[in-house]
Structure formats: structure tokens, C-alpha cells
Amino acid sequence: MKKYIITVVGKDSVGIIARVCTYLSENHANILDIAQTIVSGYFNMMMIVDPEKCEKSIEAMADDLDRIGEEIGVRIHLQHEDIFNMMHRI
């Protein structure tokens, strides 16, 4: 199973989780794990998703999520778990 990491960061507002989850559901991406926090008005969410049943390419999904992030005022980043892990190794 290929796993991808989605990170969402920005000023908190109503509907961030709903918008991202709705997009993933509409594109048949399975959410395997999700964690979110709000600190001093700033929203931070990390999701692990399995896009195996998605009809769109990962690149198209990344572009869509980037556009959604711009629309709702947050930064959304999608990357393969191997890249995420390599970037966050100590």
C-alpha cells in the first residue's frame, strides 16, 4: 500500500477539515490516520492517506489540494511517506 502524507497549516477557520476530507472522499482516497491541533489560532493537521483507488494522479491531487488551500487560506502539501520520512530524519 502506498501511503501519502498531507499537511495543512494556516490560520484557523471554520471548515478546513471538512473541505479537505470532502475532497479526499470525492476522489476515493482513504484516510488512514488524522491528527490536528490549534495553537494560538493557528491550525495544523497531518493526515496519512491511501490513494490507491483514486482515479486522479498524485500530481493532479497535489495541484487540487494546493488550489483548495489557497481558497481557504491555508497551505496544503501532499507527499509520499518516504519523502516525508527522509525530510524529517534526525
C-alpha atoms as a PDB file:
ATOM      1  CA  MET A   1       0.000   0.000   0.000  1.00  0.00           C
ATOM      2  CA  LYS A   2       1.323   3.417  -0.942  1.00  0.00           C
ATOM      3  CA  LYS A   3       0.859   5.968   1.812  1.00  0.00           C
ATOM      4  CA  TYR A   4       0.941   9.711   1.344  1.00  0.00           C
ATOM      5  CA  ILE A   5       1.197  12.462   3.921  1.00  0.00           C
ATOM      6  CA  ILE A   6      -0.967  15.568   3.718  1.00  0.00           C
ATOM      7  CA  THR A   7      -0.047  18.522   5.898  1.00  0.00           C
ATOM      8  CA  VAL A   8      -2.294  21.533   6.372  1.00  0.00           C
ATOM      9  CA  VAL A   9      -1.037  24.668   8.136  1.00  0.00           C
ATOM     10  CA  GLY A  10      -2.521  28.136   8.486  1.00  0.00           C
ATOM     11  CA  LYS A  11      -4.776  30.468  10.381  1.00  0.00           C
ATOM     12  CA  ASP A  12      -7.706  28.566  11.880  1.00  0.00           C
ATOM     13  CA  SER A  13     -11.138  28.960  10.303  1.00  0.00           C
ATOM     14  CA  VAL A  14     -14.369  27.004  10.084  1.00  0.00           C
ATOM     15  CA  GLY A  15     -14.487  24.158   7.570  1.00  0.00           C
ATOM     16  CA  ILE A  16     -10.811  23.338   6.934  1.00  0.00           C
ATOM     17  CA  ILE A  17     -11.120  19.683   7.890  1.00  0.00           C
ATOM     18  CA  ALA A  18     -14.468  19.351   6.119  1.00  0.00           C
ATOM     19  CA  ARG A  19     -13.103  20.793   2.871  1.00  0.00           C
ATOM     20  CA  VAL A  20     -10.023  18.563   2.770  1.00  0.00           C
ATOM     21  CA  CYS A  21     -11.908  15.419   3.822  1.00  0.00           C
ATOM     22  CA  THR A  22     -14.694  16.067   1.321  1.00  0.00           C
ATOM     23  CA  TYR A  23     -12.144  16.374  -1.495  1.00  0.00           C
ATOM     24  CA  LEU A  24     -10.450  13.129  -0.439  1.00  0.00           C
ATOM     25  CA  SER A  25     -13.776  11.306  -0.170  1.00  0.00           C
ATOM     26  CA  GLU A  26     -14.941  12.521  -3.579  1.00  0.00           C
ATOM     27  CA  ASN A  27     -11.689  11.211  -5.065  1.00  0.00           C
ATOM     28  CA  HIS A  28     -11.806   7.850  -3.249  1.00  0.00           C
ATOM     29  CA  ALA A  29      -8.708   8.430  -1.098  1.00  0.00           C
ATOM     30  CA  ASN A  30      -8.865   6.504   2.164  1.00  0.00           C
ATOM     31  CA  ILE A  31      -7.871   8.443   5.294  1.00  0.00           C
ATOM     32  CA  LEU A  32      -5.793   6.062   7.415  1.00  0.00           C
ATOM     33  CA  ASP A  33      -4.924   8.459  10.232  1.00  0.00           C
ATOM     34  CA  ILE A  34      -5.536  12.090  11.086  1.00  0.00           C
ATOM     35  CA  ALA A  35      -4.307  14.443  13.795  1.00  0.00           C
ATOM     36  CA  GLN A  36      -4.949  18.148  14.181  1.00  0.00           C
ATOM     37  CA  THR A  37      -4.178  20.862  16.679  1.00  0.00           C
ATOM     38  CA  ILE A  38      -4.920  24.524  17.064  1.00  0.00           C
ATOM     39  CA  VAL A  39      -2.322  26.631  18.864  1.00  0.00           C
ATOM     40  CA  SER A  40      -2.932  30.350  19.435  1.00  0.00           C
ATOM     41  CA  GLY A  41      -5.322  30.474  16.487  1.00  0.00           C
ATOM     42  CA  TYR A  42      -3.093  28.543  14.094  1.00  0.00           C
ATOM     43  CA  PHE A  43      -4.343  25.290  12.588  1.00  0.00           C
ATOM     44  CA  ASN A  44      -2.062  22.310  11.977  1.00  0.00           C
ATOM     45  CA  MET A  45      -3.250  18.983  10.565  1.00  0.00           C
ATOM     46  CA  MET A  46      -1.438  15.884   9.395  1.00  0.00           C
ATOM     47  CA  MET A  47      -3.162  13.066   7.541  1.00  0.00           C
ATOM     48  CA  ILE A  48      -1.972   9.723   6.257  1.00  0.00           C
ATOM     49  CA  VAL A  49      -3.920   8.663   3.183  1.00  0.00           C
ATOM     50  CA  ASP A  50      -4.045   5.729   0.812  1.00  0.00           C
ATOM     51  CA  PRO A  51      -4.835   6.987  -2.713  1.00  0.00           C
ATOM     52  CA  GLU A  52      -4.889   3.511  -4.288  1.00  0.00           C
ATOM     53  CA  LYS A  53      -8.473   3.830  -5.557  1.00  0.00           C
ATOM     54  CA  CYS A  54      -8.116   7.411  -6.794  1.00  0.00           C
ATOM     55  CA  GLU A  55      -8.619   7.972 -10.488  1.00  0.00           C
ATOM     56  CA  LYS A  56      -6.507  11.150 -10.474  1.00  0.00           C
ATOM     57  CA  SER A  57      -2.739  11.146 -10.477  1.00  0.00           C
ATOM     58  CA  ILE A  58      -0.860  12.173  -7.351  1.00  0.00           C
ATOM     59  CA  GLU A  59       0.314  15.276  -9.201  1.00  0.00           C
ATOM     60  CA  ALA A  60      -3.279  16.258 -10.032  1.00  0.00           C
ATOM     61  CA  MET A  61      -4.336  15.686  -6.426  1.00  0.00           C
ATOM     62  CA  ALA A  62      -1.428  17.794  -5.161  1.00  0.00           C
ATOM     63  CA  ASP A  63      -2.426  20.607  -7.533  1.00  0.00           C
ATOM     64  CA  ASP A  64      -6.078  20.368  -6.453  1.00  0.00           C
ATOM     65  CA  LEU A  65      -5.135  20.444  -2.764  1.00  0.00           C
ATOM     66  CA  ASP A  66      -2.846  23.407  -3.355  1.00  0.00           C
ATOM     67  CA  ARG A  67      -5.741  25.261  -5.015  1.00  0.00           C
ATOM     68  CA  ILE A  68      -8.113  24.332  -2.184  1.00  0.00           C
ATOM     69  CA  GLY A  69      -5.568  25.603   0.319  1.00  0.00           C
ATOM     70  CA  GLU A  70      -5.393  28.944  -1.490  1.00  0.00           C
ATOM     71  CA  GLU A  71      -9.193  29.174  -1.485  1.00  0.00           C
ATOM     72  CA  ILE A  72      -9.499  28.558   2.269  1.00  0.00           C
ATOM     73  CA  GLY A  73      -6.364  30.418   3.347  1.00  0.00           C
ATOM     74  CA  VAL A  74      -4.089  27.541   4.392  1.00  0.00           C
ATOM     75  CA  ARG A  75      -1.067  25.763   2.957  1.00  0.00           C
ATOM     76  CA  ILE A  76      -1.722  22.125   1.926  1.00  0.00           C
ATOM     77  CA  HIS A  77       1.139  19.847   0.974  1.00  0.00           C
ATOM     78  CA  LEU A  78       0.924  16.250  -0.333  1.00  0.00           C
ATOM     79  CA  GLN A  79       3.959  13.971  -0.469  1.00  0.00           C
ATOM     80  CA  HIS A  80       4.836  10.280  -0.459  1.00  0.00           C
ATOM     81  CA  GLU A  81       5.554   8.963   3.040  1.00  0.00           C
ATOM     82  CA  ASP A  82       9.133   8.007   2.076  1.00  0.00           C
ATOM     83  CA  ILE A  83       9.917  11.604   1.122  1.00  0.00           C
ATOM     84  CA  PHE A  84       8.256  12.890   4.290  1.00  0.00           C
ATOM     85  CA  ASN A  85      10.267  10.471   6.413  1.00  0.00           C
ATOM     86  CA  MET A  86      13.560  11.388   4.727  1.00  0.00           C
ATOM     87  CA  MET A  87      12.873  15.096   5.223  1.00  0.00           C
ATOM     88  CA  HIS A  88      12.174  14.624   8.931  1.00  0.00           C
ATOM     89  CA  ARG A  89      15.013  12.294   9.907  1.00  0.00           C
ATOM     90  CA  ILE A  90      17.316  13.434  12.648  1.00  0.00           C
END
